[in-house]
Amino acid sequence: MPATDGLQPPLTPGERAVVKSYGGWTNTMHSFGLKAYDLDHIQEAKAIVSTMAAADQASASKGSKSK
């Protein structure tokens, strides 16, 4: 685990699942071209992850309603 994973902000379970799919916080940030030690980039990554988690939740809800 890279030391910069310790800079991960508090995450919801859905956000944690998104981060885990990228292999951790540092890998998630690198995937989006963000620097794991820059506070503005950390906030941007958190917003991206939150949006992705919300989209996953919405698609899961939509999928369960169609069954």
N, C-alpha and C. Protein backbone atom coordinates (compact mmCIF):
# COMPACT_ATOMS: atom_id res chain seq x y z
N MET A 1 0.85 -1.17 0.00
CA MET A 1 0.00 0.00 0.00
C MET A 1 0.90 1.24 0.00
N PRO A 2 0.71 2.11 -0.99
CA PRO A 2 1.50 3.35 -1.01
C PRO A 2 1.16 4.24 0.18
N ALA A 3 2.13 5.01 0.61
CA ALA A 3 1.92 5.92 1.75
C ALA A 3 0.83 6.94 1.44
N THR A 4 0.67 7.31 0.18
CA THR A 4 -0.34 8.31 -0.18
C THR A 4 -1.75 7.77 -0.04
N ASP A 5 -1.93 6.45 0.12
CA ASP A 5 -3.27 5.92 0.40
C ASP A 5 -3.76 6.43 1.75
N GLY A 6 -2.84 6.83 2.62
CA GLY A 6 -3.21 7.39 3.91
C GLY A 6 -3.86 8.76 3.81
N LEU A 7 -3.78 9.38 2.64
CA LEU A 7 -4.40 10.70 2.42
C LEU A 7 -5.84 10.58 1.95
N GLN A 8 -6.34 9.36 1.84
CA GLN A 8 -7.71 9.14 1.40
C GLN A 8 -8.69 9.78 2.38
N PRO A 9 -9.66 10.55 1.88
CA PRO A 9 -10.67 11.14 2.78
C PRO A 9 -11.66 10.06 3.22
N PRO A 10 -12.49 10.35 4.19
CA PRO A 10 -13.52 9.40 4.60
C PRO A 10 -14.45 9.09 3.42
N LEU A 11 -14.76 7.81 3.23
CA LEU A 11 -15.59 7.39 2.10
C LEU A 11 -16.78 6.58 2.58
N THR A 12 -17.86 6.67 1.81
CA THR A 12 -19.02 5.82 2.07
C THR A 12 -18.70 4.41 1.55
N PRO A 13 -19.49 3.43 1.92
CA PRO A 13 -19.24 2.08 1.40
C PRO A 13 -19.26 2.01 -0.14
N GLY A 14 -20.16 2.75 -0.77
CA GLY A 14 -20.22 2.77 -2.23
C GLY A 14 -18.97 3.40 -2.85
N GLU A 15 -18.52 4.49 -2.24
CA GLU A 15 -17.31 5.14 -2.72
C GLU A 15 -16.09 4.24 -2.50
N ARG A 16 -16.07 3.54 -1.39
CA ARG A 16 -14.98 2.62 -1.09
C ARG A 16 -14.91 1.51 -2.13
N ALA A 17 -16.07 1.05 -2.59
CA ALA A 17 -16.11 0.00 -3.61
C ALA A 17 -15.52 0.51 -4.93
N VAL A 18 -15.83 1.76 -5.28
CA VAL A 18 -15.27 2.35 -6.50
C VAL A 18 -13.76 2.44 -6.39
N VAL A 19 -13.27 2.94 -5.26
CA VAL A 19 -11.83 3.08 -5.05
C VAL A 19 -11.16 1.71 -5.10
N LYS A 20 -11.78 0.73 -4.48
CA LYS A 20 -11.20 -0.62 -4.47
C LYS A 20 -11.11 -1.18 -5.89
N SER A 21 -12.07 -0.86 -6.74
CA SER A 21 -12.04 -1.36 -8.12
C SER A 21 -10.85 -0.81 -8.90
N TYR A 22 -10.32 0.31 -8.47
CA TYR A 22 -9.13 0.89 -9.10
C TYR A 22 -7.84 0.42 -8.42
N GLY A 23 -7.95 -0.33 -7.35
CA GLY A 23 -6.77 -0.83 -6.67
C GLY A 23 -6.28 0.04 -5.53
N GLY A 24 -7.10 0.97 -5.07
CA GLY A 24 -6.72 1.83 -3.95
C GLY A 24 -6.83 3.30 -4.32
N TRP A 25 -6.67 4.12 -3.29
CA TRP A 25 -6.83 5.56 -3.45
C TRP A 25 -5.80 6.16 -4.41
N THR A 26 -4.55 5.79 -4.23
CA THR A 26 -3.49 6.34 -5.07
C THR A 26 -3.70 5.95 -6.53
N ASN A 27 -4.04 4.70 -6.79
CA ASN A 27 -4.28 4.27 -8.17
C ASN A 27 -5.49 4.98 -8.77
N THR A 28 -6.51 5.20 -7.96
CA THR A 28 -7.69 5.93 -8.44
C THR A 28 -7.28 7.33 -8.89
N MET A 29 -6.51 8.01 -8.07
CA MET A 29 -6.09 9.37 -8.41
C MET A 29 -5.22 9.38 -9.65
N HIS A 30 -4.29 8.44 -9.75
CA HIS A 30 -3.41 8.38 -10.92
C HIS A 30 -4.21 8.10 -12.18
N SER A 31 -5.27 7.29 -12.07
CA SER A 31 -6.11 6.97 -13.22
C SER A 31 -6.75 8.22 -13.82
N PHE A 32 -7.00 9.21 -12.98
CA PHE A 32 -7.62 10.45 -13.45
C PHE A 32 -6.60 11.58 -13.64
N GLY A 33 -5.31 11.23 -13.56
CA GLY A 33 -4.26 12.22 -13.78
C GLY A 33 -4.12 13.20 -12.63
N LEU A 34 -4.49 12.78 -11.43
CA LEU A 34 -4.43 13.65 -10.27
C LEU A 34 -3.26 13.27 -9.37
N LYS A 35 -2.73 14.24 -8.66
CA LYS A 35 -1.62 14.02 -7.74
C LYS A 35 -2.17 13.73 -6.34
N ALA A 36 -1.72 12.61 -5.76
CA ALA A 36 -2.27 12.15 -4.49
C ALA A 36 -1.90 13.04 -3.31
N TYR A 37 -0.95 13.94 -3.48
CA TYR A 37 -0.50 14.80 -2.37
C TYR A 37 -1.04 16.22 -2.48
N ASP A 38 -1.79 16.53 -3.53
CA ASP A 38 -2.34 17.87 -3.75
C ASP A 38 -3.77 17.92 -3.19
N LEU A 39 -4.02 18.79 -2.21
CA LEU A 39 -5.34 18.84 -1.56
C LEU A 39 -6.47 19.14 -2.53
N ASP A 40 -6.23 20.02 -3.51
CA ASP A 40 -7.27 20.30 -4.50
C ASP A 40 -7.57 19.06 -5.34
N HIS A 41 -6.55 18.31 -5.67
CA HIS A 41 -6.74 17.09 -6.44
C HIS A 41 -7.47 16.03 -5.61
N ILE A 42 -7.18 15.97 -4.31
CA ILE A 42 -7.88 15.02 -3.44
C ILE A 42 -9.37 15.34 -3.41
N GLN A 43 -9.71 16.62 -3.33
CA GLN A 43 -11.13 17.02 -3.34
C GLN A 43 -11.78 16.68 -4.67
N GLU A 44 -11.05 16.88 -5.77
CA GLU A 44 -11.59 16.56 -7.09
C GLU A 44 -11.81 15.05 -7.23
N ALA A 45 -10.85 14.27 -6.75
CA ALA A 45 -10.99 12.81 -6.81
C ALA A 45 -12.17 12.35 -5.98
N LYS A 46 -12.36 12.95 -4.82
CA LYS A 46 -13.50 12.60 -3.96
C LYS A 46 -14.81 12.88 -4.68
N ALA A 47 -14.89 14.01 -5.38
CA ALA A 47 -16.09 14.35 -6.13
C ALA A 47 -16.33 13.36 -7.27
N ILE A 48 -15.28 12.97 -7.96
CA ILE A 48 -15.40 11.99 -9.05
C ILE A 48 -15.90 10.66 -8.50
N VAL A 49 -15.28 10.20 -7.43
CA VAL A 49 -15.64 8.92 -6.82
C VAL A 49 -17.08 8.97 -6.31
N SER A 50 -17.49 10.07 -5.72
CA SER A 50 -18.87 10.22 -5.24
C SER A 50 -19.86 10.11 -6.38
N THR A 51 -19.55 10.76 -7.49
CA THR A 51 -20.42 10.72 -8.67
C THR A 51 -20.51 9.30 -9.23
N MET A 52 -19.37 8.62 -9.29
CA MET A 52 -19.37 7.25 -9.79
C MET A 52 -20.15 6.31 -8.88
N ALA A 53 -20.02 6.49 -7.58
CA ALA A 53 -20.75 5.66 -6.63
C ALA A 53 -22.25 5.91 -6.75
N ALA A 54 -22.65 7.17 -6.93
CA ALA A 54 -24.07 7.49 -7.09
C ALA A 54 -24.62 6.87 -8.37
N ALA A 55 -23.83 6.89 -9.45
CA ALA A 55 -24.26 6.29 -10.71
C ALA A 55 -24.40 4.77 -10.55
N ASP A 56 -23.46 4.15 -9.85
CA ASP A 56 -23.55 2.71 -9.59
C ASP A 56 -24.81 2.38 -8.79
N GLN A 57 -25.10 3.20 -7.78
CA GLN A 57 -26.29 2.99 -6.96
C GLN A 57 -27.56 3.14 -7.78
N ALA A 58 -27.59 4.16 -8.65
CA ALA A 58 -28.76 4.39 -9.48
C ALA A 58 -28.97 3.24 -10.46
N SER A 59 -27.90 2.74 -11.06
CA SER A 59 -28.05 1.64 -12.01
C SER A 59 -28.45 0.36 -11.29
N ALA A 60 -27.95 0.16 -10.07
CA ALA A 60 -28.34 -1.02 -9.29
C ALA A 60 -29.81 -0.95 -8.92
N SER A 61 -30.28 0.23 -8.56
CA SER A 61 -31.69 0.40 -8.20
C SER A 61 -32.56 0.19 -9.42
N LYS A 62 -32.14 0.72 -10.54
CA LYS A 62 -32.90 0.57 -11.77
C LYS A 62 -32.97 -0.89 -12.20
N GLY A 63 -31.85 -1.58 -12.05
CA GLY A 63 -31.80 -3.00 -12.41
C GLY A 63 -32.67 -3.87 -11.53
N SER A 64 -32.74 -3.56 -10.26
CA SER A 64 -33.55 -4.36 -9.34
C SER A 64 -35.04 -4.10 -9.54
N LYS A 65 -35.40 -2.93 -10.03
CA LYS A 65 -36.82 -2.62 -10.26
C LYS A 65 -37.35 -3.32 -11.50
N SER A 66 -36.45 -3.59 -12.46
CA SER A 66 -36.91 -4.19 -13.71
C SER A 66 -37.09 -5.70 -13.59
N LYS A 67 -36.69 -6.30 -12.47
CA LYS A 67 -36.82 -7.75 -12.32
C LYS A 67 -38.15 -8.13 -11.76
